[in-house]
PDB file of N, CA and C in Angstrom:
ATOM      1  N   MET A   1     -60.503   2.265 -13.484  1.00  0.00           N
ATOM      2  CA  MET A   1     -59.979   0.884 -13.595  1.00  0.00           C
ATOM      3  C   MET A   1     -58.795   0.936 -14.605  1.00  0.00           C
ATOM      4  N   ASN A   2     -58.912   1.607 -15.633  1.00  0.00           N
ATOM      5  CA  ASN A   2     -57.959   1.736 -16.753  1.00  0.00           C
ATOM      6  C   ASN A   2     -56.709   2.397 -16.270  1.00  0.00           C
ATOM      7  N   GLU A   3     -56.858   3.426 -15.378  1.00  0.00           N
ATOM      8  CA  GLU A   3     -55.694   4.096 -14.788  1.00  0.00           C
ATOM      9  C   GLU A   3     -54.897   3.332 -13.922  1.00  0.00           C
ATOM     10  N   LYS A   4     -55.486   2.329 -13.186  1.00  0.00           N
ATOM     11  CA  LYS A   4     -54.635   1.296 -12.321  1.00  0.00           C
ATOM     12  C   LYS A   4     -53.811   0.592 -13.335  1.00  0.00           C
ATOM     13  N   VAL A   5     -54.329   0.078 -14.443  1.00  0.00           N
ATOM     14  CA  VAL A   5     -53.691  -0.864 -15.247  1.00  0.00           C
ATOM     15  C   VAL A   5     -52.566  -0.023 -15.951  1.00  0.00           C
ATOM     16  N   GLU A   6     -52.812   1.172 -16.242  1.00  0.00           N
ATOM     17  CA  GLU A   6     -51.864   2.012 -16.909  1.00  0.00           C
ATOM     18  C   GLU A   6     -50.579   2.208 -15.930  1.00  0.00           C
ATOM     19  N   ASN A   7     -51.004   2.500 -14.624  1.00  0.00           N
ATOM     20  CA  ASN A   7     -49.843   2.714 -13.751  1.00  0.00           C
ATOM     21  C   ASN A   7     -49.136   1.484 -13.399  1.00  0.00           C
ATOM     22  N   ILE A   8     -49.781   0.378 -13.374  1.00  0.00           N
ATOM     23  CA  ILE A   8     -49.001  -0.975 -13.153  1.00  0.00           C
ATOM     24  C   ILE A   8     -48.123  -1.177 -14.462  1.00  0.00           C
ATOM     25  N   VAL A   9     -48.625  -1.050 -15.687  1.00  0.00           N
ATOM     26  CA  VAL A   9     -47.846  -1.066 -16.901  1.00  0.00           C
ATOM     27  C   VAL A   9     -46.521  -0.177 -16.811  1.00  0.00           C
ATOM     28  N   LYS A  10     -46.802   1.102 -16.486  1.00  0.00           N
ATOM     29  CA  LYS A  10     -45.627   1.962 -16.479  1.00  0.00           C
ATOM     30  C   LYS A  10     -44.672   1.556 -15.344  1.00  0.00           C
ATOM     31  N   LYS A  11     -45.133   1.069 -14.198  1.00  0.00           N
ATOM     32  CA  LYS A  11     -44.150   0.625 -13.143  1.00  0.00           C
ATOM     33  C   LYS A  11     -43.413  -0.547 -13.619  1.00  0.00           C
ATOM     34  N   ASN A  12     -44.095  -1.500 -14.376  1.00  0.00           N
ATOM     35  CA  ASN A  12     -43.320  -2.607 -14.844  1.00  0.00           C
ATOM     36  C   ASN A  12     -42.275  -2.519 -16.015  1.00  0.00           C
ATOM     37  N   GLU A  13     -42.573  -1.223 -16.575  1.00  0.00           N
ATOM     38  CA  GLU A  13     -41.797  -0.765 -17.681  1.00  0.00           C
ATOM     39  C   GLU A  13     -40.514  -0.321 -17.159  1.00  0.00           C
ATOM     40  N   THR A  14     -40.543   0.508 -16.149  1.00  0.00           N
ATOM     41  CA  THR A  14     -39.336   1.084 -15.460  1.00  0.00           C
ATOM     42  C   THR A  14     -38.379   0.211 -14.774  1.00  0.00           C
ATOM     43  N   THR A  15     -39.090  -0.934 -14.168  1.00  0.00           N
ATOM     44  CA  THR A  15     -38.325  -1.856 -13.256  1.00  0.00           C
ATOM     45  C   THR A  15     -37.188  -2.462 -13.976  1.00  0.00           C
ATOM     46  N   PRO A  16     -37.293  -3.060 -15.322  1.00  0.00           N
ATOM     47  CA  PRO A  16     -36.224  -3.620 -15.808  1.00  0.00           C
ATOM     48  C   PRO A  16     -35.129  -2.780 -16.206  1.00  0.00           C
ATOM     49  N   GLN A  17     -35.201  -1.522 -16.348  1.00  0.00           N
ATOM     50  CA  GLN A  17     -34.225  -0.499 -16.510  1.00  0.00           C
ATOM     51  C   GLN A  17     -33.403  -0.401 -15.190  1.00  0.00           C
ATOM     52  N   LYS A  18     -33.978  -0.479 -14.024  1.00  0.00           N
ATOM     53  CA  LYS A  18     -33.245  -0.616 -12.772  1.00  0.00           C
ATOM     54  C   LYS A  18     -32.386  -1.778 -12.669  1.00  0.00           C
ATOM     55  N   SER A  19     -32.981  -2.821 -13.160  1.00  0.00           N
ATOM     56  CA  SER A  19     -32.092  -4.095 -12.887  1.00  0.00           C
ATOM     57  C   SER A  19     -30.975  -4.086 -13.896  1.00  0.00           C
ATOM     58  N   VAL A  20     -31.162  -3.568 -15.222  1.00  0.00           N
ATOM     59  CA  VAL A  20     -30.256  -3.393 -16.135  1.00  0.00           C
ATOM     60  C   VAL A  20     -29.137  -2.443 -15.700  1.00  0.00           C
ATOM     61  N   SER A  21     -29.406  -1.281 -14.967  1.00  0.00           N
ATOM     62  CA  SER A  21     -28.479  -0.478 -14.444  1.00  0.00           C
ATOM     63  C   SER A  21     -27.689  -1.119 -13.297  1.00  0.00           C
ATOM     64  N   THR A  22     -28.428  -1.855 -12.445  1.00  0.00           N
ATOM     65  CA  THR A  22     -27.757  -2.527 -11.284  1.00  0.00           C
ATOM     66  C   THR A  22     -26.808  -3.759 -11.947  1.00  0.00           C
ATOM     67  N   GLU A  23     -27.183  -4.184 -13.046  1.00  0.00           N
ATOM     68  CA  GLU A  23     -26.208  -5.348 -13.538  1.00  0.00           C
ATOM     69  C   GLU A  23     -25.073  -4.705 -14.037  1.00  0.00           C
ATOM     70  N   LYS A  24     -25.315  -3.598 -14.765  1.00  0.00           N
ATOM     71  CA  LYS A  24     -24.161  -2.906 -15.413  1.00  0.00           C
ATOM     72  C   LYS A  24     -23.089  -2.316 -14.426  1.00  0.00           C
ATOM     73  N   LYS A  25     -23.645  -1.775 -13.213  1.00  0.00           N
ATOM     74  CA  LYS A  25     -22.839  -1.451 -12.131  1.00  0.00           C
ATOM     75  C   LYS A  25     -22.002  -2.650 -11.639  1.00  0.00           C
ATOM     76  N   ALA A  26     -22.642  -3.800 -11.330  1.00  0.00           N
ATOM     77  CA  ALA A  26     -21.889  -4.907 -10.930  1.00  0.00           C
ATOM     78  C   ALA A  26     -20.806  -5.543 -11.900  1.00  0.00           C
ATOM     79  N   LYS A  27     -21.191  -5.320 -13.258  1.00  0.00           N
ATOM     80  CA  LYS A  27     -20.295  -5.884 -14.441  1.00  0.00           C
ATOM     81  C   LYS A  27     -19.056  -4.833 -14.350  1.00  0.00           C
ATOM     82  N   ASP A  28     -19.329  -3.567 -14.211  1.00  0.00           N
ATOM     83  CA  ASP A  28     -18.349  -2.561 -14.302  1.00  0.00           C
ATOM     84  C   ASP A  28     -17.268  -2.739 -12.957  1.00  0.00           C
ATOM     85  N   THR A  29     -17.938  -3.024 -11.942  1.00  0.00           N
ATOM     86  CA  THR A  29     -17.133  -3.351 -10.731  1.00  0.00           C
ATOM     87  C   THR A  29     -16.262  -4.554 -10.851  1.00  0.00           C
ATOM     88  N   ALA A  30     -16.920  -5.655 -11.418  1.00  0.00           N
ATOM     89  CA  ALA A  30     -16.071  -6.856 -11.541  1.00  0.00           C
ATOM     90  C   ALA A  30     -14.908  -6.610 -12.649  1.00  0.00           C
ATOM     91  N   THR A  31     -15.371  -5.741 -13.598  1.00  0.00           N
ATOM     92  CA  THR A  31     -14.236  -5.552 -14.668  1.00  0.00           C
ATOM     93  C   THR A  31     -13.191  -4.732 -14.029  1.00  0.00           C
ATOM     94  N   LYS A  32     -13.355  -3.792 -13.121  1.00  0.00           N
ATOM     95  CA  LYS A  32     -12.373  -2.937 -12.503  1.00  0.00           C
ATOM     96  C   LYS A  32     -11.502  -3.751 -11.478  1.00  0.00           C
ATOM     97  N   VAL A  33     -12.072  -4.774 -10.750  1.00  0.00           N
ATOM     98  CA  VAL A  33     -11.307  -5.701 -10.250  1.00  0.00           C
ATOM     99  C   VAL A  33     -10.509  -6.483 -11.195  1.00  0.00           C
ATOM    100  N   ALA A  34     -11.066  -7.120 -12.148  1.00  0.00           N
ATOM    101  CA  ALA A  34     -10.361  -7.933 -13.017  1.00  0.00           C
ATOM    102  C   ALA A  34      -9.149  -7.285 -13.751  1.00  0.00           C
ATOM    103  N   ASP A  35      -9.301  -5.937 -13.912  1.00  0.00           N
ATOM    104  CA  ASP A  35      -8.332  -5.125 -14.613  1.00  0.00           C
ATOM    105  C   ASP A  35      -7.305  -4.556 -13.699  1.00  0.00           C
ATOM    106  N   GLU A  36      -7.692  -4.501 -12.378  1.00  0.00           N
ATOM    107  CA  GLU A  36      -6.781  -4.060 -11.369  1.00  0.00           C
ATOM    108  C   GLU A  36      -5.288  -4.724 -11.205  1.00  0.00           C
ATOM    109  N   GLN A  37      -4.337  -3.914 -11.334  1.00  0.00           N
ATOM    110  CA  GLN A  37      -3.049  -4.409 -11.190  1.00  0.00           C
ATOM    111  C   GLN A  37      -2.444  -3.814  -9.868  1.00  0.00           C
ATOM    112  N   LEU A  38      -1.993  -5.081  -9.135  1.00  0.00           N
ATOM    113  CA  LEU A  38      -1.420  -4.679  -7.767  1.00  0.00           C
ATOM    114  C   LEU A  38       0.128  -5.020  -7.754  1.00  0.00           C
ATOM    115  N   ILE A  39       0.841  -4.262  -7.200  1.00  0.00           N
ATOM    116  CA  ILE A  39       2.317  -4.727  -7.018  1.00  0.00           C
ATOM    117  C   ILE A  39       2.551  -4.881  -5.640  1.00  0.00           C
ATOM    118  N   TYR A  40       3.325  -6.034  -5.412  1.00  0.00           N
ATOM    119  CA  TYR A  40       3.736  -6.386  -4.131  1.00  0.00           C
ATOM    120  C   TYR A  40       4.907  -5.539  -3.712  1.00  0.00           C
ATOM    121  N   VAL A  41       5.013  -4.792  -2.594  1.00  0.00           N
ATOM    122  CA  VAL A  41       6.077  -3.881  -2.270  1.00  0.00           C
ATOM    123  C   VAL A  41       6.793  -4.281  -1.014  1.00  0.00           C
ATOM    124  N   GLY A  42       6.454  -5.609  -0.530  1.00  0.00           N
ATOM    125  CA  GLY A  42       7.048  -6.014   0.579  1.00  0.00           C
ATOM    126  C   GLY A  42       8.400  -6.816   0.198  1.00  0.00           C
ATOM    127  N   PRO A  43       9.037  -7.314   1.195  1.00  0.00           N
ATOM    128  CA  PRO A  43      10.378  -8.117   1.023  1.00  0.00           C
ATOM    129  C   PRO A  43       9.815  -9.600   0.363  1.00  0.00           C
ATOM    130  N   THR A  44      10.914 -10.196  -0.182  1.00  0.00           N
ATOM    131  CA  THR A  44      10.522 -11.462  -0.710  1.00  0.00           C
ATOM    132  C   THR A  44      10.270 -12.395   0.352  1.00  0.00           C
ATOM    133  N   ILE A  45       9.314 -13.263   0.264  1.00  0.00           N
ATOM    134  CA  ILE A  45       8.993 -14.096   1.547  1.00  0.00           C
ATOM    135  C   ILE A  45       8.887 -15.683   0.989  1.00  0.00           C
ATOM    136  N   GLU A  46       8.862 -16.551   1.974  1.00  0.00           N
ATOM    137  CA  GLU A  46       8.733 -17.866   1.860  1.00  0.00           C
ATOM    138  C   GLU A  46       9.577 -18.524   0.623  1.00  0.00           C
ATOM    139  N   ARG A  47      10.701 -18.208   0.734  1.00  0.00           N
ATOM    140  CA  ARG A  47      11.741 -18.541  -0.226  1.00  0.00           C
ATOM    141  C   ARG A  47      11.353 -18.515  -1.609  1.00  0.00           C
ATOM    142  N   GLY A  48      10.900 -17.147  -1.782  1.00  0.00           N
ATOM    143  CA  GLY A  48      10.626 -16.599  -3.206  1.00  0.00           C
ATOM    144  C   GLY A  48       9.210 -16.927  -3.759  1.00  0.00           C
ATOM    145  N   ILE A  49       8.423 -17.504  -3.129  1.00  0.00           N
ATOM    146  CA  ILE A  49       6.941 -17.754  -3.415  1.00  0.00           C
ATOM    147  C   ILE A  49       6.342 -16.461  -3.758  1.00  0.00           C
ATOM    148  N   LEU A  50       6.707 -15.318  -3.125  1.00  0.00           N
ATOM    149  CA  LEU A  50       6.242 -14.018  -3.232  1.00  0.00           C
ATOM    150  C   LEU A  50       7.461 -13.165  -3.383  1.00  0.00           C
ATOM    151  N   ARG A  51       7.639 -12.552  -4.529  1.00  0.00           N
ATOM    152  CA  ARG A  51       8.928 -11.603  -4.558  1.00  0.00           C
ATOM    153  C   ARG A  51       8.590 -10.239  -4.627  1.00  0.00           C
ATOM    154  N   GLN A  52       9.507  -9.426  -4.148  1.00  0.00           N
ATOM    155  CA  GLN A  52       9.245  -7.984  -4.187  1.00  0.00           C
ATOM    156  C   GLN A  52       9.219  -7.372  -5.548  1.00  0.00           C
ATOM    157  N   HIS A  53       8.162  -6.685  -5.745  1.00  0.00           N
ATOM    158  CA  HIS A  53       7.846  -5.794  -6.982  1.00  0.00           C
ATOM    159  C   HIS A  53       7.075  -6.986  -8.051  1.00  0.00           C
ATOM    160  N   GLN A  54       6.646  -8.025  -7.571  1.00  0.00           N
ATOM    161  CA  GLN A  54       5.922  -9.052  -8.327  1.00  0.00           C
ATOM    162  C   GLN A  54       4.449  -8.165  -8.728  1.00  0.00           C
ATOM    163  N   VAL A  55       4.030  -8.200  -9.860  1.00  0.00           N
ATOM    164  CA  VAL A  55       2.780  -7.608 -10.326  1.00  0.00           C
ATOM    165  C   VAL A  55       1.654  -8.653 -10.427  1.00  0.00           C
ATOM    166  N   PHE A  56       0.494  -8.326  -9.913  1.00  0.00           N
ATOM    167  CA  PHE A  56      -0.594  -9.364 -10.023  1.00  0.00           C
ATOM    168  C   PHE A  56      -1.811  -8.632 -10.701  1.00  0.00           C
ATOM    169  N   LYS A  57      -2.436  -9.184 -11.628  1.00  0.00           N
ATOM    170  CA  LYS A  57      -3.804  -8.581 -12.397  1.00  0.00           C
ATOM    171  C   LYS A  57      -4.810  -9.225 -11.761  1.00  0.00           C
ATOM    172  N   GLY A  58      -6.088  -8.468 -11.448  1.00  0.00           N
ATOM    173  CA  GLY A  58      -7.086  -8.971 -10.875  1.00  0.00           C
ATOM    174  C   GLY A  58      -7.203  -8.970  -9.647  1.00  0.00           C
ATOM    175  N   GLY A  59      -6.678  -7.980  -8.804  1.00  0.00           N
ATOM    176  CA  GLY A  59      -6.530  -7.764  -7.349  1.00  0.00           C
ATOM    177  C   GLY A  59      -5.701  -8.862  -6.553  1.00  0.00           C
ATOM    178  N   HIS A  60      -5.891  -9.046  -5.237  1.00  0.00           N
ATOM    179  CA  HIS A  60      -5.215  -9.888  -4.552  1.00  0.00           C
ATOM    180  C   HIS A  60      -5.194 -11.308  -5.087  1.00  0.00           C
ATOM    181  N   PRO A  61      -4.058 -11.919  -5.340  1.00  0.00           N
ATOM    182  CA  PRO A  61      -4.254 -13.300  -5.793  1.00  0.00           C
ATOM    183  C   PRO A  61      -4.733 -14.281  -4.953  1.00  0.00           C
ATOM    184  N   ALA A  62      -5.626 -15.213  -5.424  1.00  0.00           N
ATOM    185  CA  ALA A  62      -6.216 -16.206  -4.674  1.00  0.00           C
ATOM    186  C   ALA A  62      -5.319 -17.366  -4.286  1.00  0.00           C
ATOM    187  N   CYS A  63      -4.261 -17.616  -5.112  1.00  0.00           N
ATOM    188  CA  CYS A  63      -3.186 -18.501  -4.909  1.00  0.00           C
ATOM    189  C   CYS A  63      -2.468 -18.309  -3.619  1.00  0.00           C
ATOM    190  N   LEU A  64      -2.550 -16.927  -3.111  1.00  0.00           N
ATOM    191  CA  LEU A  64      -1.782 -16.647  -1.936  1.00  0.00           C
ATOM    192  C   LEU A  64      -2.599 -16.709  -0.697  1.00  0.00           C
ATOM    193  N   GLU A  65      -3.819 -17.128  -0.796  1.00  0.00           N
ATOM    194  CA  GLU A  65      -4.812 -17.067   0.365  1.00  0.00           C
ATOM    195  C   GLU A  65      -4.366 -17.537   1.634  1.00  0.00           C
ATOM    196  N   ASN A  66      -3.538 -18.711   1.500  1.00  0.00           N
ATOM    197  CA  ASN A  66      -3.017 -19.407   2.702  1.00  0.00           C
ATOM    198  C   ASN A  66      -1.884 -18.354   3.210  1.00  0.00           C
ATOM    199  N   LEU A  67      -1.158 -17.635   2.611  1.00  0.00           N
ATOM    200  CA  LEU A  67      -0.210 -16.905   3.125  1.00  0.00           C
ATOM    201  C   LEU A  67      -1.046 -15.530   3.704  1.00  0.00           C
ATOM    202  N   PHE A  68      -2.036 -15.139   3.204  1.00  0.00           N
ATOM    203  CA  PHE A  68      -2.777 -14.075   3.752  1.00  0.00           C
ATOM    204  C   PHE A  68      -3.434 -14.406   5.005  1.00  0.00           C
ATOM    205  N   THR A  69      -3.755 -15.679   5.251  1.00  0.00           N
ATOM    206  CA  THR A  69      -4.110 -16.075   6.448  1.00  0.00           C
ATOM    207  C   THR A  69      -3.142 -16.288   7.476  1.00  0.00           C
ATOM    208  N   LYS A  70      -1.845 -16.705   7.138  1.00  0.00           N
ATOM    209  CA  LYS A  70      -0.666 -16.907   7.953  1.00  0.00           C
ATOM    210  C   LYS A  70      -0.222 -15.540   8.402  1.00  0.00           C
ATOM    211  N   TYR A  71      -0.114 -14.474   7.426  1.00  0.00           N
ATOM    212  CA  TYR A  71       0.471 -13.255   7.823  1.00  0.00           C
ATOM    213  C   TYR A  71      -0.575 -12.186   7.354  1.00  0.00           C
ATOM    214  N   PRO A  72      -1.399 -11.740   8.311  1.00  0.00           N
ATOM    215  CA  PRO A  72      -2.571 -10.720   7.935  1.00  0.00           C
ATOM    216  C   PRO A  72      -1.912  -9.565   7.426  1.00  0.00           C
ATOM    217  N   LEU A  73      -0.758  -9.134   7.686  1.00  0.00           N
ATOM    218  CA  LEU A  73      -0.209  -7.788   7.356  1.00  0.00           C
ATOM    219  C   LEU A  73       0.082  -7.684   5.772  1.00  0.00           C
ATOM    220  N   LEU A  74       0.161  -9.080   5.326  1.00  0.00           N
ATOM    221  CA  LEU A  74       0.735  -9.143   3.890  1.00  0.00           C
ATOM    222  C   LEU A  74      -0.202  -8.456   2.842  1.00  0.00           C
ATOM    223  N   LYS A  75      -1.406  -8.558   3.035  1.00  0.00           N
ATOM    224  CA  LYS A  75      -2.265  -7.768   2.139  1.00  0.00           C
ATOM    225  C   LYS A  75      -1.956  -6.233   1.832  1.00  0.00           C
ATOM    226  N   SER A  76      -1.558  -5.666   3.067  1.00  0.00           N
ATOM    227  CA  SER A  76      -1.427  -4.369   3.054  1.00  0.00           C
ATOM    228  C   SER A  76      -0.193  -3.799   2.259  1.00  0.00           C
ATOM    229  N   LEU A  77       0.632  -4.876   2.026  1.00  0.00           N
ATOM    230  CA  LEU A  77       1.729  -4.579   1.137  1.00  0.00           C
ATOM    231  C   LEU A  77       1.696  -4.593  -0.458  1.00  0.00           C
ATOM    232  N   PHE A  78       0.394  -4.848  -0.790  1.00  0.00           N
ATOM    233  CA  PHE A  78      -0.105  -4.783  -2.228  1.00  0.00           C
ATOM    234  C   PHE A  78      -0.715  -3.327  -2.385  1.00  0.00           C
ATOM    235  N   VAL A  79      -0.169  -2.676  -3.465  1.00  0.00           N
ATOM    236  CA  VAL A  79      -0.597  -1.544  -3.719  1.00  0.00           C
ATOM    237  C   VAL A  79      -0.834  -1.331  -5.222  1.00  0.00           C
ATOM    238  N   PRO A  80      -1.808  -0.464  -5.751  1.00  0.00           N
ATOM    239  CA  PRO A  80      -2.067  -0.161  -7.202  1.00  0.00           C
ATOM    240  C   PRO A  80      -0.713   0.072  -7.716  1.00  0.00           C
ATOM    241  N   VAL A  81      -0.420  -0.280  -9.028  1.00  0.00           N
ATOM    242  CA  VAL A  81       0.837   0.035  -9.654  1.00  0.00           C
ATOM    243  C   VAL A  81       1.039   1.307  -9.820  1.00  0.00           C
ATOM    244  N   ASP A  82      -0.158   2.160 -10.143  1.00  0.00           N
ATOM    245  CA  ASP A  82      -0.046   3.738 -10.301  1.00  0.00           C
ATOM    246  C   ASP A  82       0.312   4.411  -8.971  1.00  0.00           C
ATOM    247  N   GLN A  83       0.361   3.716  -7.763  1.00  0.00           N
ATOM    248  CA  GLN A  83       0.761   4.477  -6.532  1.00  0.00           C
ATOM    249  C   GLN A  83       2.144   3.842  -6.133  1.00  0.00           C
ATOM    250  N   LEU A  84       2.789   3.190  -6.872  1.00  0.00           N
ATOM    251  CA  LEU A  84       4.160   2.675  -6.479  1.00  0.00           C
ATOM    252  C   LEU A  84       5.011   3.824  -5.954  1.00  0.00           C
ATOM    253  N   ASN A  85       5.116   4.897  -6.551  1.00  0.00           N
ATOM    254  CA  ASN A  85       6.149   5.866  -6.120  1.00  0.00           C
ATOM    255  C   ASN A  85       5.843   6.340  -4.748  1.00  0.00           C
ATOM    256  N   SER A  86       4.587   6.608  -4.579  1.00  0.00           N
ATOM    257  CA  SER A  86       4.255   7.022  -3.135  1.00  0.00           C
ATOM    258  C   SER A  86       4.286   5.883  -2.079  1.00  0.00           C
ATOM    259  N   ALA A  87       4.011   4.605  -2.562  1.00  0.00           N
ATOM    260  CA  ALA A  87       4.345   3.554  -1.634  1.00  0.00           C
ATOM    261  C   ALA A  87       5.715   3.383  -1.188  1.00  0.00           C
ATOM    262  N   GLN A  88       6.569   3.515  -2.145  1.00  0.00           N
ATOM    263  CA  GLN A  88       8.018   3.490  -1.854  1.00  0.00           C
ATOM    264  C   GLN A  88       8.533   4.638  -0.913  1.00  0.00           C
ATOM    265  N   ILE A  89       7.994   5.733  -0.975  1.00  0.00           N
ATOM    266  CA  ILE A  89       8.329   6.795  -0.050  1.00  0.00           C
ATOM    267  C   ILE A  89       7.898   6.494   1.301  1.00  0.00           C
ATOM    268  N   ASP A  90       6.471   5.929   1.412  1.00  0.00           N
ATOM    269  CA  ASP A  90       5.995   5.450   2.687  1.00  0.00           C
ATOM    270  C   ASP A  90       6.885   4.505   3.336  1.00  0.00           C
ATOM    271  N   LEU A  91       7.320   3.328   2.415  1.00  0.00           N
ATOM    272  CA  LEU A  91       8.198   2.419   2.974  1.00  0.00           C
ATOM    273  C   LEU A  91       9.218   2.809   3.741  1.00  0.00           C
ATOM    274  N   SER A  92       9.894   3.943   3.110  1.00  0.00           N
ATOM    275  CA  SER A  92      11.128   4.381   3.813  1.00  0.00           C
ATOM    276  C   SER A  92      10.896   5.324   5.063  1.00  0.00           C
ATOM    277  N   LYS A  93       9.618   5.612   5.236  1.00  0.00           N
ATOM    278  CA  LYS A  93       9.333   6.595   6.448  1.00  0.00           C
ATOM    279  C   LYS A  93       8.993   5.682   7.616  1.00  0.00           C
ATOM    280  N   LYS A  94       9.747   5.957   8.726  1.00  0.00           N
ATOM    281  CA  LYS A  94       9.233   5.056  10.034  1.00  0.00           C
ATOM    282  C   LYS A  94       8.071   5.722  10.332  1.00  0.00           C
ATOM    283  N   GLY A  95       7.143   4.845  10.976  1.00  0.00           N
ATOM    284  CA  GLY A  95       5.807   5.058  11.623  1.00  0.00           C
ATOM    285  C   GLY A  95       4.782   5.017  10.624  1.00  0.00           C
ATOM    286  N   THR A  96       4.995   4.881   9.322  1.00  0.00           N
ATOM    287  CA  THR A  96       3.893   4.619   8.405  1.00  0.00           C
ATOM    288  C   THR A  96       3.516   3.216   8.330  1.00  0.00           C
ATOM    289  N   SER A  97       2.249   2.796   8.097  1.00  0.00           N
ATOM    290  CA  SER A  97       1.759   1.478   8.134  1.00  0.00           C
ATOM    291  C   SER A  97       2.547   0.732   7.055  1.00  0.00           C
ATOM    292  N   LEU A  98       2.799   1.157   5.921  1.00  0.00           N
ATOM    293  CA  LEU A  98       3.683   0.395   5.017  1.00  0.00           C
ATOM    294  C   LEU A  98       5.006  -0.057   5.701  1.00  0.00           C
ATOM    295  N   ASN A  99       5.502   0.847   6.272  1.00  0.00           N
ATOM    296  CA  ASN A  99       6.948   0.545   6.925  1.00  0.00           C
ATOM    297  C   ASN A  99       6.880  -0.561   8.051  1.00  0.00           C
ATOM    298  N   ALA A 100       5.720  -0.281   8.585  1.00  0.00           N
ATOM    299  CA  ALA A 100       5.709  -1.292   9.862  1.00  0.00           C
ATOM    300  C   ALA A 100       5.261  -2.605   9.330  1.00  0.00           C
ATOM    301  N   ALA A 101       4.407  -2.704   8.284  1.00  0.00           N
ATOM    302  CA  ALA A 101       4.169  -4.057   7.665  1.00  0.00           C
ATOM    303  C   ALA A 101       5.391  -4.633   6.973  1.00  0.00           C
ATOM    304  N   TYR A 102       6.135  -3.937   6.334  1.00  0.00           N
ATOM    305  CA  TYR A 102       7.392  -4.302   5.756  1.00  0.00           C
ATOM    306  C   TYR A 102       8.314  -4.983   6.766  1.00  0.00           C
ATOM    307  N   THR A 103       8.590  -4.154   7.693  1.00  0.00           N
ATOM    308  CA  THR A 103       9.462  -4.554   9.004  1.00  0.00           C
ATOM    309  C   THR A 103       9.027  -5.958   9.578  1.00  0.00           C
ATOM    310  N   ALA A 104       7.628  -6.045   9.782  1.00  0.00           N
ATOM    311  CA  ALA A 104       7.175  -7.224  10.364  1.00  0.00           C
ATOM    312  C   ALA A 104       7.314  -8.361   9.462  1.00  0.00           C
ATOM    313  N   MET A 105       7.357  -8.215   7.989  1.00  0.00           N
ATOM    314  CA  MET A 105       7.447  -9.429   7.063  1.00  0.00           C
ATOM    315  C   MET A 105       8.998  -9.716   6.873  1.00  0.00           C
ATOM    316  N   LYS A 106       9.891  -8.905   7.111  1.00  0.00           N
ATOM    317  CA  LYS A 106      11.312  -9.199   7.000  1.00  0.00           C
ATOM    318  C   LYS A 106      11.710 -10.514   7.702  1.00  0.00           C
ATOM    319  N   GLY A 107      12.267 -11.393   7.034  1.00  0.00           N
ATOM    320  CA  GLY A 107      12.795 -12.510   7.556  1.00  0.00           C
ATOM    321  C   GLY A 107      11.724 -13.614   7.527  1.00  0.00           C
ATOM    322  N   VAL A 108      10.690 -13.334   6.749  1.00  0.00           N
ATOM    323  CA  VAL A 108       9.656 -14.541   6.816  1.00  0.00           C
ATOM    324  C   VAL A 108       9.921 -15.470   5.768  1.00  0.00           C
TER     325      VAL A 108
END
């Protein structure tokens, strides 16, 4: 009987550690999203509501959700700031997804 109690106690002692670890991972993920800086590499659209090379902290801006719905390709034109150079190269190459999205958004 004592062995069963000891096993239950040991099991309960390790369970909170798992939840703390899970909570920490969730917090770390939320922190990464909050700290993530994205730069918009597409053309200026909607009479300047969204300008080329505008930087946003915290992932895709919620205030532009209506534009994301209206123009599904728009989200693909947001890239992490540290990938700006490679994104600009892709923008100039015909056949890349960034080039296609940029071309589709011209004149909007």
